[in-house]
Amino acid sequence: MRINSLKLFSSRHAQAGLSYPGYACAPYLHNHGSVELKEIWAKSKNIEEMYFVTGTFSSESKPYFSDSTNHYILAKFKNSELISKDLVVHNQEKTSFVFNIKDDLFQREVQGETNFVSVYYLEYGDNGGDLHEIANLLLKRDKIEIAGLGDMSTSCINASKFTFPYSENIVVIEVASEKSHQSVKKYCDQTRRDINRKGMTMTNLVSLSVLDKLK
């Protein structure tokens, strides 16, 4: 059983070469490159879990990622250095995202299968008191099984017109529920509003609805 932990600043995932675990979100374009990357990740020991997902970008983040698509392969990885190499080889016309988890907020067992991953950004730098408050508020939401802090990097054949300014302040949560994606999204939106009412600005970047588990 996974045990709750609130070690916000331990950076316990740090490894030689600044490699971290996290999530890779690569566009699935139904072309040779997408299929090949999916097959490589399906066989890779670096990939713990892999999903076929629908991505919905918020109105606040969409201007930065105007080339976003509907379907993605979401891979939960152990080593970000290996993932980065994969995405260099399989760079595509739509943006791929890597969310490095540098600090766990918590992990725990919850009922149901993972069916939603929501990514947020904070509009300010690290503030220990605020981060602990965010962790405690997320912990009260019983459908959230994993929450972590980290950063984001992107890769794409075409350079982005705008630089996303909050890539160092990323929050990722995994939600397990048997309810519909629409219901879980409302659940996450309410969670975000609860945090913002406490005076902390946490904004949705992208919501990832799990359609199928691939690994």
N, C-alpha and C. Protein backbone atom coordinates (compact mmCIF):
# COMPACT_ATOMS: atom_id res chain seq x y z
N MET A 1 0.84 -1.20 0.00
CA MET A 1 0.00 0.00 0.00
C MET A 1 0.87 1.24 0.00
N ARG A 2 0.49 2.22 -0.79
CA ARG A 2 1.23 3.47 -0.82
C ARG A 2 0.88 4.29 0.41
N ILE A 3 1.86 4.91 1.00
CA ILE A 3 1.67 5.65 2.24
C ILE A 3 1.66 7.15 1.94
N ASN A 4 0.77 7.88 2.61
CA ASN A 4 0.73 9.33 2.46
C ASN A 4 2.06 9.93 2.86
N SER A 5 2.51 10.92 2.11
CA SER A 5 3.74 11.62 2.48
C SER A 5 3.62 13.06 2.06
N LEU A 6 4.16 13.95 2.89
CA LEU A 6 4.12 15.38 2.59
C LEU A 6 5.53 15.93 2.69
N LYS A 7 6.43 15.37 1.91
CA LYS A 7 7.82 15.82 1.91
C LYS A 7 8.03 16.74 0.72
N LEU A 8 7.62 17.97 0.89
CA LEU A 8 7.55 18.86 -0.27
C LEU A 8 8.91 19.21 -0.84
N PHE A 9 9.89 19.35 0.00
CA PHE A 9 11.15 19.90 -0.49
C PHE A 9 12.31 18.93 -0.38
N SER A 10 11.99 17.66 -0.27
CA SER A 10 13.05 16.67 -0.14
C SER A 10 13.79 16.42 -1.45
N SER A 11 13.09 16.70 -2.58
CA SER A 11 13.65 16.39 -3.90
C SER A 11 14.21 14.97 -3.92
N ARG A 12 13.44 14.04 -3.34
CA ARG A 12 13.97 12.70 -3.16
C ARG A 12 14.11 11.95 -4.46
N HIS A 13 13.51 12.48 -5.54
CA HIS A 13 13.62 11.81 -6.83
C HIS A 13 14.90 12.18 -7.57
N ALA A 14 15.63 13.19 -7.09
CA ALA A 14 16.81 13.66 -7.82
C ALA A 14 17.82 12.54 -7.98
N GLN A 15 18.34 12.40 -9.19
CA GLN A 15 19.32 11.38 -9.49
C GLN A 15 20.50 12.04 -10.19
N ALA A 16 21.53 11.23 -10.45
CA ALA A 16 22.67 11.75 -11.19
C ALA A 16 22.20 12.28 -12.54
N GLY A 17 22.69 13.44 -12.91
CA GLY A 17 22.30 14.04 -14.18
C GLY A 17 20.95 14.71 -14.13
N LEU A 18 20.43 14.94 -12.88
CA LEU A 18 19.16 15.64 -12.71
C LEU A 18 18.03 14.97 -13.48
N SER A 19 17.92 13.67 -13.34
CA SER A 19 16.84 12.93 -13.96
C SER A 19 15.73 12.69 -12.94
N TYR A 20 14.48 12.77 -13.40
CA TYR A 20 13.33 12.64 -12.51
C TYR A 20 12.30 11.71 -13.12
N PRO A 21 11.40 11.18 -12.29
CA PRO A 21 10.23 10.49 -12.83
C PRO A 21 9.20 11.52 -13.25
N GLY A 22 8.14 11.08 -13.90
CA GLY A 22 7.10 12.02 -14.28
C GLY A 22 6.19 11.47 -15.35
N TYR A 23 5.66 12.37 -16.18
CA TYR A 23 4.67 12.03 -17.19
C TYR A 23 5.09 12.64 -18.53
N ALA A 24 5.01 11.84 -19.58
CA ALA A 24 5.23 12.35 -20.94
C ALA A 24 3.91 12.29 -21.69
N CYS A 25 3.61 13.35 -22.40
CA CYS A 25 2.35 13.45 -23.12
C CYS A 25 2.67 13.76 -24.59
N ALA A 26 2.61 12.72 -25.43
CA ALA A 26 3.00 12.86 -26.83
C ALA A 26 1.77 12.80 -27.73
N PRO A 27 1.65 13.71 -28.70
CA PRO A 27 0.47 13.70 -29.57
C PRO A 27 0.38 12.40 -30.36
N TYR A 28 -0.83 11.85 -30.44
CA TYR A 28 -1.05 10.65 -31.24
C TYR A 28 -1.72 11.07 -32.53
N LEU A 29 -0.94 11.09 -33.61
CA LEU A 29 -1.39 11.66 -34.89
C LEU A 29 -1.74 10.58 -35.91
N HIS A 30 -1.80 9.32 -35.48
CA HIS A 30 -2.15 8.21 -36.37
C HIS A 30 -1.21 8.11 -37.57
N ASN A 31 0.05 8.50 -37.34
CA ASN A 31 1.06 8.36 -38.40
C ASN A 31 2.15 7.40 -37.94
N HIS A 32 3.14 7.18 -38.79
CA HIS A 32 4.19 6.21 -38.49
C HIS A 32 4.95 6.58 -37.22
N GLY A 33 5.26 7.88 -37.07
CA GLY A 33 6.02 8.33 -35.90
C GLY A 33 5.29 8.07 -34.60
N SER A 34 3.99 8.36 -34.58
CA SER A 34 3.20 8.15 -33.36
C SER A 34 3.10 6.67 -33.01
N VAL A 35 2.84 5.85 -34.01
CA VAL A 35 2.70 4.41 -33.78
C VAL A 35 4.02 3.81 -33.30
N GLU A 36 5.11 4.24 -33.91
CA GLU A 36 6.43 3.72 -33.53
C GLU A 36 6.78 4.10 -32.09
N LEU A 37 6.49 5.36 -31.70
CA LEU A 37 6.77 5.80 -30.34
C LEU A 37 5.93 5.01 -29.34
N LYS A 38 4.66 4.78 -29.66
CA LYS A 38 3.79 4.00 -28.78
C LYS A 38 4.35 2.59 -28.58
N GLU A 39 4.82 1.96 -29.65
CA GLU A 39 5.35 0.60 -29.56
C GLU A 39 6.65 0.57 -28.75
N ILE A 40 7.49 1.58 -28.92
CA ILE A 40 8.74 1.66 -28.15
C ILE A 40 8.44 1.80 -26.67
N TRP A 41 7.51 2.68 -26.33
CA TRP A 41 7.16 2.89 -24.92
C TRP A 41 6.48 1.67 -24.32
N ALA A 42 5.70 0.94 -25.13
CA ALA A 42 5.03 -0.26 -24.62
C ALA A 42 6.04 -1.32 -24.18
N LYS A 43 7.21 -1.33 -24.82
CA LYS A 43 8.25 -2.32 -24.51
C LYS A 43 9.29 -1.80 -23.52
N SER A 44 9.27 -0.50 -23.26
CA SER A 44 10.32 0.12 -22.46
C SER A 44 10.16 -0.15 -20.96
N LYS A 45 11.25 -0.53 -20.30
CA LYS A 45 11.24 -0.70 -18.85
C LYS A 45 11.17 0.64 -18.13
N ASN A 46 11.44 1.72 -18.87
CA ASN A 46 11.36 3.06 -18.28
C ASN A 46 9.91 3.51 -18.09
N ILE A 47 8.98 2.88 -18.81
CA ILE A 47 7.57 3.28 -18.75
C ILE A 47 6.82 2.37 -17.78
N GLU A 48 6.26 2.96 -16.73
CA GLU A 48 5.52 2.18 -15.73
C GLU A 48 4.08 1.93 -16.18
N GLU A 49 3.44 2.97 -16.70
CA GLU A 49 2.06 2.87 -17.17
C GLU A 49 1.90 3.75 -18.40
N MET A 50 0.96 3.39 -19.26
CA MET A 50 0.75 4.16 -20.49
C MET A 50 -0.74 4.15 -20.82
N TYR A 51 -1.23 5.32 -21.24
CA TYR A 51 -2.65 5.49 -21.50
C TYR A 51 -2.87 6.21 -22.84
N PHE A 52 -4.01 5.93 -23.44
CA PHE A 52 -4.50 6.72 -24.57
C PHE A 52 -5.49 7.72 -23.98
N VAL A 53 -5.26 9.02 -24.21
CA VAL A 53 -6.04 10.05 -23.53
C VAL A 53 -6.53 11.13 -24.50
N THR A 54 -7.56 11.82 -24.07
CA THR A 54 -8.02 13.04 -24.74
C THR A 54 -7.51 14.23 -23.94
N GLY A 55 -6.90 15.20 -24.62
CA GLY A 55 -6.38 16.38 -23.94
C GLY A 55 -7.25 17.60 -24.18
N THR A 56 -7.60 18.28 -23.09
CA THR A 56 -8.38 19.52 -23.17
C THR A 56 -7.60 20.64 -22.50
N PHE A 57 -7.16 21.61 -23.30
CA PHE A 57 -6.38 22.72 -22.77
C PHE A 57 -7.30 23.83 -22.30
N SER A 58 -6.92 24.48 -21.22
CA SER A 58 -7.74 25.57 -20.68
C SER A 58 -7.63 26.80 -21.57
N SER A 59 -8.59 27.69 -21.43
CA SER A 59 -8.57 28.94 -22.22
C SER A 59 -7.35 29.78 -21.89
N GLU A 60 -6.83 29.64 -20.65
CA GLU A 60 -5.66 30.41 -20.25
C GLU A 60 -4.37 29.89 -20.89
N SER A 61 -4.29 28.57 -21.07
CA SER A 61 -3.04 27.99 -21.59
C SER A 61 -3.05 27.79 -23.11
N LYS A 62 -4.23 27.71 -23.71
CA LYS A 62 -4.31 27.38 -25.13
C LYS A 62 -3.55 28.34 -26.04
N PRO A 63 -3.54 29.66 -25.75
CA PRO A 63 -2.77 30.56 -26.62
C PRO A 63 -1.29 30.19 -26.74
N TYR A 64 -0.74 29.56 -25.69
CA TYR A 64 0.67 29.17 -25.72
C TYR A 64 0.88 27.89 -26.52
N PHE A 65 -0.17 27.10 -26.67
CA PHE A 65 -0.05 25.80 -27.33
C PHE A 65 -1.14 25.68 -28.39
N SER A 66 -1.10 26.58 -29.34
CA SER A 66 -2.14 26.63 -30.37
C SER A 66 -2.10 25.42 -31.30
N ASP A 67 -0.99 24.66 -31.26
CA ASP A 67 -0.88 23.48 -32.12
C ASP A 67 -1.35 22.21 -31.41
N SER A 68 -2.04 22.38 -30.28
CA SER A 68 -2.48 21.21 -29.53
C SER A 68 -3.43 20.36 -30.36
N THR A 69 -3.50 19.08 -30.03
CA THR A 69 -4.37 18.15 -30.74
C THR A 69 -5.33 17.51 -29.75
N ASN A 70 -6.14 16.58 -30.20
CA ASN A 70 -7.15 15.98 -29.33
C ASN A 70 -6.65 14.76 -28.57
N HIS A 71 -5.86 13.91 -29.24
CA HIS A 71 -5.48 12.64 -28.65
C HIS A 71 -3.97 12.57 -28.38
N TYR A 72 -3.65 11.99 -27.23
CA TYR A 72 -2.25 11.89 -26.79
C TYR A 72 -1.99 10.50 -26.22
N ILE A 73 -0.71 10.12 -26.25
CA ILE A 73 -0.23 8.99 -25.49
C ILE A 73 0.38 9.56 -24.20
N LEU A 74 -0.15 9.14 -23.07
CA LEU A 74 0.35 9.59 -21.77
C LEU A 74 1.15 8.45 -21.15
N ALA A 75 2.43 8.69 -20.91
CA ALA A 75 3.31 7.66 -20.37
C ALA A 75 3.87 8.11 -19.03
N LYS A 76 3.74 7.24 -18.05
CA LYS A 76 4.31 7.52 -16.72
C LYS A 76 5.70 6.89 -16.68
N PHE A 77 6.73 7.71 -16.57
CA PHE A 77 8.10 7.22 -16.72
C PHE A 77 8.90 7.30 -15.42
N LYS A 78 10.05 6.60 -15.42
CA LYS A 78 10.94 6.60 -14.27
C LYS A 78 12.10 7.57 -14.44
N ASN A 79 12.54 7.76 -15.68
CA ASN A 79 13.78 8.52 -15.94
C ASN A 79 13.54 9.52 -17.07
N SER A 80 13.56 10.79 -16.73
CA SER A 80 13.26 11.84 -17.70
C SER A 80 14.33 11.97 -18.78
N GLU A 81 15.56 11.60 -18.46
CA GLU A 81 16.63 11.69 -19.46
C GLU A 81 16.35 10.76 -20.64
N LEU A 82 15.86 9.55 -20.34
CA LEU A 82 15.55 8.59 -21.40
C LEU A 82 14.34 9.06 -22.22
N ILE A 83 13.36 9.64 -21.55
CA ILE A 83 12.17 10.15 -22.25
C ILE A 83 12.55 11.26 -23.20
N SER A 84 13.41 12.16 -22.76
CA SER A 84 13.84 13.27 -23.61
C SER A 84 14.51 12.76 -24.88
N LYS A 85 15.31 11.71 -24.75
CA LYS A 85 15.97 11.13 -25.92
C LYS A 85 14.93 10.54 -26.89
N ASP A 86 13.91 9.88 -26.33
CA ASP A 86 12.85 9.32 -27.17
C ASP A 86 12.15 10.41 -27.98
N LEU A 87 11.88 11.53 -27.34
CA LEU A 87 11.13 12.60 -28.00
C LEU A 87 11.98 13.38 -29.00
N VAL A 88 13.29 13.39 -28.80
CA VAL A 88 14.18 13.99 -29.80
C VAL A 88 14.14 13.17 -31.09
N VAL A 89 14.19 11.85 -30.93
CA VAL A 89 14.16 10.95 -32.09
C VAL A 89 12.80 10.99 -32.78
N HIS A 90 11.73 11.11 -31.98
CA HIS A 90 10.37 11.07 -32.52
C HIS A 90 9.70 12.44 -32.36
N ASN A 91 10.42 13.47 -32.73
CA ASN A 91 9.86 14.83 -32.67
C ASN A 91 8.76 14.97 -33.72
N GLN A 92 7.67 15.66 -33.36
CA GLN A 92 6.52 15.72 -34.25
C GLN A 92 6.09 17.16 -34.54
N GLU A 93 5.08 17.29 -35.38
CA GLU A 93 4.60 18.61 -35.77
C GLU A 93 3.70 19.24 -34.71
N LYS A 94 3.23 18.43 -33.78
CA LYS A 94 2.46 18.92 -32.64
C LYS A 94 3.31 18.80 -31.38
N THR A 95 3.07 19.65 -30.42
CA THR A 95 3.90 19.72 -29.21
C THR A 95 3.75 18.49 -28.32
N SER A 96 4.89 17.96 -27.87
CA SER A 96 4.93 16.94 -26.83
C SER A 96 5.31 17.61 -25.51
N PHE A 97 4.80 17.08 -24.41
CA PHE A 97 5.02 17.67 -23.09
C PHE A 97 5.67 16.64 -22.17
N VAL A 98 6.61 17.11 -21.36
CA VAL A 98 7.21 16.28 -20.32
C VAL A 98 7.03 17.01 -18.99
N PHE A 99 6.38 16.35 -18.04
CA PHE A 99 6.17 16.91 -16.71
C PHE A 99 7.05 16.13 -15.74
N ASN A 100 8.15 16.74 -15.32
CA ASN A 100 9.06 16.12 -14.36
C ASN A 100 8.53 16.33 -12.95
N ILE A 101 8.39 15.25 -12.18
CA ILE A 101 7.93 15.37 -10.80
C ILE A 101 9.15 15.37 -9.89
N LYS A 102 9.45 16.55 -9.35
CA LYS A 102 10.63 16.70 -8.50
C LYS A 102 10.33 16.44 -7.03
N ASP A 103 9.09 16.66 -6.62
CA ASP A 103 8.69 16.46 -5.23
C ASP A 103 7.29 15.86 -5.18
N ASP A 104 7.16 14.76 -4.46
CA ASP A 104 5.84 14.20 -4.21
C ASP A 104 5.11 15.05 -3.17
N LEU A 105 3.85 15.34 -3.40
CA LEU A 105 3.01 15.88 -2.35
C LEU A 105 2.43 14.72 -1.54
N PHE A 106 1.87 13.73 -2.23
CA PHE A 106 1.45 12.50 -1.57
C PHE A 106 1.11 11.44 -2.61
N GLN A 107 1.09 10.20 -2.15
CA GLN A 107 0.59 9.06 -2.91
C GLN A 107 -0.21 8.20 -1.95
N ARG A 108 -1.32 7.67 -2.43
CA ARG A 108 -2.15 6.83 -1.56
C ARG A 108 -3.04 5.92 -2.40
N GLU A 109 -3.56 4.90 -1.76
CA GLU A 109 -4.52 4.01 -2.41
C GLU A 109 -5.91 4.64 -2.37
N VAL A 110 -6.60 4.63 -3.51
CA VAL A 110 -8.00 5.05 -3.55
C VAL A 110 -8.77 4.03 -4.37
N GLN A 111 -10.09 4.02 -4.20
CA GLN A 111 -10.91 3.08 -4.95
C GLN A 111 -11.04 3.53 -6.40
N GLY A 112 -11.08 2.55 -7.31
CA GLY A 112 -11.25 2.86 -8.72
C GLY A 112 -9.93 2.92 -9.47
N GLU A 113 -10.04 2.94 -10.79
CA GLU A 113 -8.87 3.02 -11.67
C GLU A 113 -8.60 4.47 -12.04
N THR A 114 -7.33 4.77 -12.31
CA THR A 114 -6.98 6.11 -12.78
C THR A 114 -7.74 6.41 -14.07
N ASN A 115 -8.51 7.48 -14.09
CA ASN A 115 -9.21 7.84 -15.32
C ASN A 115 -9.07 9.31 -15.68
N PHE A 116 -8.24 10.04 -14.94
CA PHE A 116 -8.10 11.48 -15.21
C PHE A 116 -6.77 11.96 -14.63
N VAL A 117 -6.05 12.73 -15.42
CA VAL A 117 -4.83 13.40 -14.95
C VAL A 117 -4.98 14.88 -15.27
N SER A 118 -4.82 15.71 -14.26
CA SER A 118 -4.98 17.15 -14.45
C SER A 118 -3.67 17.85 -14.12
N VAL A 119 -3.28 18.76 -15.01
CA VAL A 119 -2.02 19.48 -14.86
C VAL A 119 -2.32 20.96 -14.65
N TYR A 120 -1.69 21.55 -13.63
CA TYR A 120 -1.90 22.96 -13.28
C TYR A 120 -0.56 23.69 -13.26
N TYR A 121 -0.66 25.01 -13.20
CA TYR A 121 0.54 25.79 -12.96
C TYR A 121 0.25 26.86 -11.93
N LEU A 122 1.28 27.22 -11.17
CA LEU A 122 1.20 28.27 -10.17
C LEU A 122 1.81 29.53 -10.74
N GLU A 123 1.18 30.65 -10.51
CA GLU A 123 1.64 31.90 -11.12
C GLU A 123 2.61 32.65 -10.21
N TYR A 124 3.40 31.91 -9.48
CA TYR A 124 4.42 32.52 -8.63
C TYR A 124 5.45 31.45 -8.32
N GLY A 125 6.58 31.85 -7.74
CA GLY A 125 7.63 30.89 -7.41
C GLY A 125 7.32 30.13 -6.15
N ASP A 126 8.27 29.31 -5.73
CA ASP A 126 8.08 28.47 -4.54
C ASP A 126 7.82 29.30 -3.30
N ASN A 127 6.78 28.93 -2.59
CA ASN A 127 6.48 29.51 -1.29
C ASN A 127 6.10 28.34 -0.39
N GLY A 128 6.96 28.03 0.56
CA GLY A 128 6.76 26.84 1.37
C GLY A 128 5.41 26.75 2.03
N GLY A 129 4.95 27.83 2.64
CA GLY A 129 3.66 27.82 3.32
C GLY A 129 2.52 27.55 2.37
N ASP A 130 2.53 28.20 1.21
CA ASP A 130 1.46 28.00 0.22
C ASP A 130 1.45 26.57 -0.31
N LEU A 131 2.64 26.03 -0.57
CA LEU A 131 2.71 24.67 -1.12
C LEU A 131 2.20 23.64 -0.13
N HIS A 132 2.50 23.84 1.14
CA HIS A 132 1.97 22.94 2.17
C HIS A 132 0.45 23.06 2.23
N GLU A 133 -0.05 24.28 2.10
CA GLU A 133 -1.50 24.49 2.13
C GLU A 133 -2.17 23.81 0.93
N ILE A 134 -1.57 23.94 -0.23
CA ILE A 134 -2.10 23.27 -1.43
C ILE A 134 -2.10 21.76 -1.23
N ALA A 135 -1.00 21.22 -0.71
CA ALA A 135 -0.92 19.78 -0.47
C ALA A 135 -2.03 19.32 0.48
N ASN A 136 -2.26 20.07 1.53
CA ASN A 136 -3.29 19.70 2.51
C ASN A 136 -4.69 19.77 1.91
N LEU A 137 -4.93 20.76 1.05
CA LEU A 137 -6.24 20.86 0.40
C LEU A 137 -6.46 19.73 -0.59
N LEU A 138 -5.43 19.37 -1.33
CA LEU A 138 -5.54 18.25 -2.27
C LEU A 138 -5.76 16.94 -1.52
N LEU A 139 -5.10 16.81 -0.38
CA LEU A 139 -5.19 15.58 0.41
C LEU A 139 -6.61 15.34 0.91
N LYS A 140 -7.36 16.41 1.10
CA LYS A 140 -8.74 16.28 1.58
C LYS A 140 -9.69 15.76 0.51
N ARG A 141 -9.26 15.80 -0.75
CA ARG A 141 -10.09 15.34 -1.86
C ARG A 141 -9.83 13.85 -2.06
N ASP A 142 -10.79 13.02 -1.68
CA ASP A 142 -10.53 11.59 -1.54
C ASP A 142 -10.37 10.83 -2.84
N LYS A 143 -10.65 11.45 -3.99
CA LYS A 143 -10.47 10.76 -5.27
C LYS A 143 -9.07 10.97 -5.85
N ILE A 144 -8.30 11.88 -5.28
CA ILE A 144 -6.94 12.15 -5.78
C ILE A 144 -5.99 11.13 -5.17
N GLU A 145 -5.36 10.32 -6.04
CA GLU A 145 -4.46 9.28 -5.53
C GLU A 145 -3.00 9.71 -5.52
N ILE A 146 -2.62 10.59 -6.43
CA ILE A 146 -1.23 11.06 -6.51
C ILE A 146 -1.22 12.55 -6.82
N ALA A 147 -0.35 13.28 -6.15
CA ALA A 147 -0.13 14.69 -6.46
C ALA A 147 1.35 15.00 -6.35
N GLY A 148 1.86 15.78 -7.30
CA GLY A 148 3.28 16.09 -7.30
C GLY A 148 3.59 17.46 -7.87
N LEU A 149 4.76 17.97 -7.52
CA LEU A 149 5.25 19.27 -7.99
C LEU A 149 6.43 19.05 -8.93
N GLY A 150 6.54 19.91 -9.93
CA GLY A 150 7.68 19.79 -10.81
C GLY A 150 7.75 20.87 -11.85
N ASP A 151 8.34 20.52 -12.99
CA ASP A 151 8.46 21.48 -14.08
C ASP A 151 8.04 20.82 -15.40
N MET A 152 8.00 21.64 -16.43
CA MET A 152 7.55 21.16 -17.73
C MET A 152 8.55 21.55 -18.81
N SER A 153 8.77 20.62 -19.74
CA SER A 153 9.52 20.93 -20.95
C SER A 153 8.70 20.47 -22.15
N THR A 154 8.97 21.03 -23.30
CA THR A 154 8.21 20.68 -24.50
C THR A 154 9.17 20.40 -25.65
N SER A 155 8.65 19.67 -26.64
CA SER A 155 9.41 19.46 -27.87
C SER A 155 8.45 19.49 -29.05
N CYS A 156 8.91 20.08 -30.15
CA CYS A 156 8.09 20.20 -31.34
C CYS A 156 8.98 20.58 -32.51
N ILE A 157 8.66 20.10 -33.69
CA ILE A 157 9.42 20.47 -34.89
C ILE A 157 9.33 21.96 -35.13
N ASN A 158 8.16 22.53 -34.92
CA ASN A 158 7.93 23.95 -35.13
C ASN A 158 8.07 24.73 -33.83
N ALA A 159 8.84 25.78 -33.84
CA ALA A 159 9.04 26.60 -32.65
C ALA A 159 7.75 27.31 -32.27
N SER A 160 7.49 27.39 -30.97
CA SER A 160 6.29 28.07 -30.48
C SER A 160 6.44 29.58 -30.62
N LYS A 161 5.32 30.25 -30.90
CA LYS A 161 5.34 31.72 -31.03
C LYS A 161 5.51 32.40 -29.69
N PHE A 162 4.98 31.77 -28.64
CA PHE A 162 5.03 32.36 -27.31
C PHE A 162 5.69 31.40 -26.34
N THR A 163 6.46 31.97 -25.41
CA THR A 163 7.10 31.16 -24.37
C THR A 163 6.17 31.05 -23.17
N PHE A 164 5.90 29.83 -22.75
CA PHE A 164 5.05 29.63 -21.59
C PHE A 164 5.83 30.04 -20.33
N PRO A 165 5.32 31.01 -19.55
CA PRO A 165 6.13 31.59 -18.47
C PRO A 165 6.10 30.85 -17.14
N TYR A 166 5.30 29.79 -17.03
CA TYR A 166 5.12 29.15 -15.72
C TYR A 166 5.60 27.70 -15.71
N SER A 167 6.52 27.36 -16.58
CA SER A 167 6.93 25.96 -16.74
C SER A 167 7.68 25.41 -15.53
N GLU A 168 8.15 26.29 -14.63
CA GLU A 168 8.88 25.82 -13.45
C GLU A 168 7.96 25.53 -12.27
N ASN A 169 6.67 25.84 -12.41
CA ASN A 169 5.75 25.72 -11.27
C ASN A 169 4.55 24.86 -11.63
N ILE A 170 4.79 23.58 -11.87
CA ILE A 170 3.75 22.67 -12.36
C ILE A 170 3.26 21.77 -11.22
N VAL A 171 1.95 21.58 -11.17
CA VAL A 171 1.32 20.64 -10.24
C VAL A 171 0.57 19.60 -11.06
N VAL A 172 0.81 18.32 -10.78
CA VAL A 172 0.12 17.23 -11.50
C VAL A 172 -0.63 16.38 -10.48
N ILE A 173 -1.90 16.08 -10.80
CA ILE A 173 -2.67 15.18 -9.94
C ILE A 173 -3.25 14.04 -10.78
N GLU A 174 -3.30 12.86 -10.17
CA GLU A 174 -3.98 11.71 -10.76
C GLU A 174 -5.26 11.45 -9.98
N VAL A 175 -6.35 11.24 -10.69
CA VAL A 175 -7.64 10.99 -10.05
C VAL A 175 -8.13 9.60 -10.43
N ALA A 176 -8.59 8.85 -9.46
CA ALA A 176 -9.17 7.54 -9.70
C ALA A 176 -10.66 7.61 -9.39
N SER A 177 -11.49 7.24 -10.34
CA SER A 177 -12.93 7.32 -10.16
C SER A 177 -13.62 6.46 -11.20
N GLU A 178 -14.78 5.97 -10.85
CA GLU A 178 -15.60 5.22 -11.80
C GLU A 178 -16.59 6.13 -12.51
N LYS A 179 -16.62 7.40 -12.13
CA LYS A 179 -17.57 8.35 -12.71
C LYS A 179 -17.09 8.83 -14.07
N SER A 180 -17.94 9.56 -14.78
CA SER A 180 -17.62 10.04 -16.12
C SER A 180 -16.51 11.07 -16.08
N HIS A 181 -15.85 11.24 -17.23
CA HIS A 181 -14.79 12.25 -17.32
C HIS A 181 -15.33 13.64 -17.04
N GLN A 182 -16.53 13.92 -17.49
CA GLN A 182 -17.13 15.23 -17.25
C GLN A 182 -17.32 15.47 -15.75
N SER A 183 -17.77 14.43 -15.04
CA SER A 183 -17.97 14.53 -13.61
C SER A 183 -16.64 14.74 -12.88
N VAL A 184 -15.60 14.01 -13.30
CA VAL A 184 -14.30 14.13 -12.66
C VAL A 184 -13.67 15.49 -12.95
N LYS A 185 -13.89 16.00 -14.15
CA LYS A 185 -13.37 17.33 -14.47
C LYS A 185 -14.02 18.39 -13.56
N LYS A 186 -15.31 18.27 -13.33
CA LYS A 186 -15.99 19.20 -12.41
C LYS A 186 -15.40 19.08 -11.00
N TYR A 187 -15.10 17.87 -10.61
CA TYR A 187 -14.49 17.60 -9.31
C TYR A 187 -13.13 18.33 -9.20
N CYS A 188 -12.33 18.22 -10.26
CA CYS A 188 -11.02 18.90 -10.28
C CYS A 188 -11.17 20.42 -10.33
N ASP A 189 -12.14 20.89 -11.10
CA ASP A 189 -12.38 22.33 -11.18
C ASP A 189 -12.77 22.89 -9.81
N GLN A 190 -13.58 22.14 -9.08
CA GLN A 190 -13.98 22.59 -7.74
C GLN A 190 -12.78 22.60 -6.80
N THR A 191 -11.92 21.59 -6.94
CA THR A 191 -10.70 21.54 -6.13
C THR A 191 -9.83 22.77 -6.39
N ARG A 192 -9.68 23.11 -7.68
CA ARG A 192 -8.87 24.29 -8.03
C ARG A 192 -9.50 25.56 -7.45
N ARG A 193 -10.81 25.68 -7.52
CA ARG A 193 -11.48 26.88 -6.98
C ARG A 193 -11.30 26.97 -5.46
N ASP A 194 -11.34 25.82 -4.79
CA ASP A 194 -11.13 25.82 -3.34
C ASP A 194 -9.74 26.35 -2.99
N ILE A 195 -8.75 25.95 -3.78
CA ILE A 195 -7.38 26.42 -3.55
C ILE A 195 -7.27 27.92 -3.84
N ASN A 196 -7.88 28.36 -4.94
CA ASN A 196 -7.80 29.78 -5.30
C ASN A 196 -8.51 30.66 -4.29
N ARG A 197 -9.57 30.13 -3.66
CA ARG A 197 -10.28 30.92 -2.65
C ARG A 197 -9.41 31.17 -1.42
N LYS A 198 -8.39 30.35 -1.25
CA LYS A 198 -7.45 30.53 -0.14
C LYS A 198 -6.37 31.56 -0.49
N GLY A 199 -6.47 32.14 -1.69
CA GLY A 199 -5.53 33.18 -2.08
C GLY A 199 -4.34 32.72 -2.88
N MET A 200 -4.35 31.45 -3.31
CA MET A 200 -3.26 30.91 -4.12
C MET A 200 -3.76 30.71 -5.55
N THR A 201 -3.00 31.22 -6.52
CA THR A 201 -3.45 31.18 -7.91
C THR A 201 -2.93 29.93 -8.61
N MET A 202 -3.79 28.92 -8.70
CA MET A 202 -3.46 27.69 -9.41
C MET A 202 -4.39 27.58 -10.61
N THR A 203 -3.81 27.52 -11.81
CA THR A 203 -4.58 27.56 -13.05
C THR A 203 -4.42 26.26 -13.82
N ASN A 204 -5.52 25.78 -14.39
CA ASN A 204 -5.46 24.55 -15.18
C ASN A 204 -4.68 24.76 -16.46
N LEU A 205 -3.77 23.85 -16.76
CA LEU A 205 -3.03 23.87 -18.02
C LEU A 205 -3.71 22.93 -19.02
N VAL A 206 -3.85 21.67 -18.63
CA VAL A 206 -4.49 20.69 -19.51
C VAL A 206 -5.13 19.59 -18.67
N SER A 207 -6.28 19.12 -19.12
CA SER A 207 -6.96 17.99 -18.50
C SER A 207 -6.86 16.79 -19.44
N LEU A 208 -6.45 15.65 -18.89
CA LEU A 208 -6.23 14.45 -19.70
C LEU A 208 -7.19 13.36 -19.25
N SER A 209 -8.15 13.05 -20.11
CA SER A 209 -9.16 12.03 -19.81
C SER A 209 -8.69 10.68 -20.37
N VAL A 210 -8.58 9.69 -19.51
CA VAL A 210 -8.08 8.37 -19.92
C VAL A 210 -9.16 7.62 -20.68
N LEU A 211 -8.87 7.26 -21.92
CA LEU A 211 -9.78 6.48 -22.75
C LEU A 211 -9.46 5.00 -22.71
N ASP A 212 -8.18 4.69 -22.59
CA ASP A 212 -7.78 3.29 -22.61
C ASP A 212 -6.41 3.14 -21.94
N LYS A 213 -6.23 2.08 -21.18
CA LYS A 213 -4.92 1.78 -20.59
C LYS A 213 -4.15 0.91 -21.56
N LEU A 214 -2.96 1.34 -21.95
CA LEU A 214 -2.16 0.63 -22.95
C LEU A 214 -1.06 -0.23 -22.33
N LYS A 215 -0.72 0.07 -21.09
CA LYS A 215 0.33 -0.71 -20.40
C LYS A 215 0.11 -0.65 -18.90
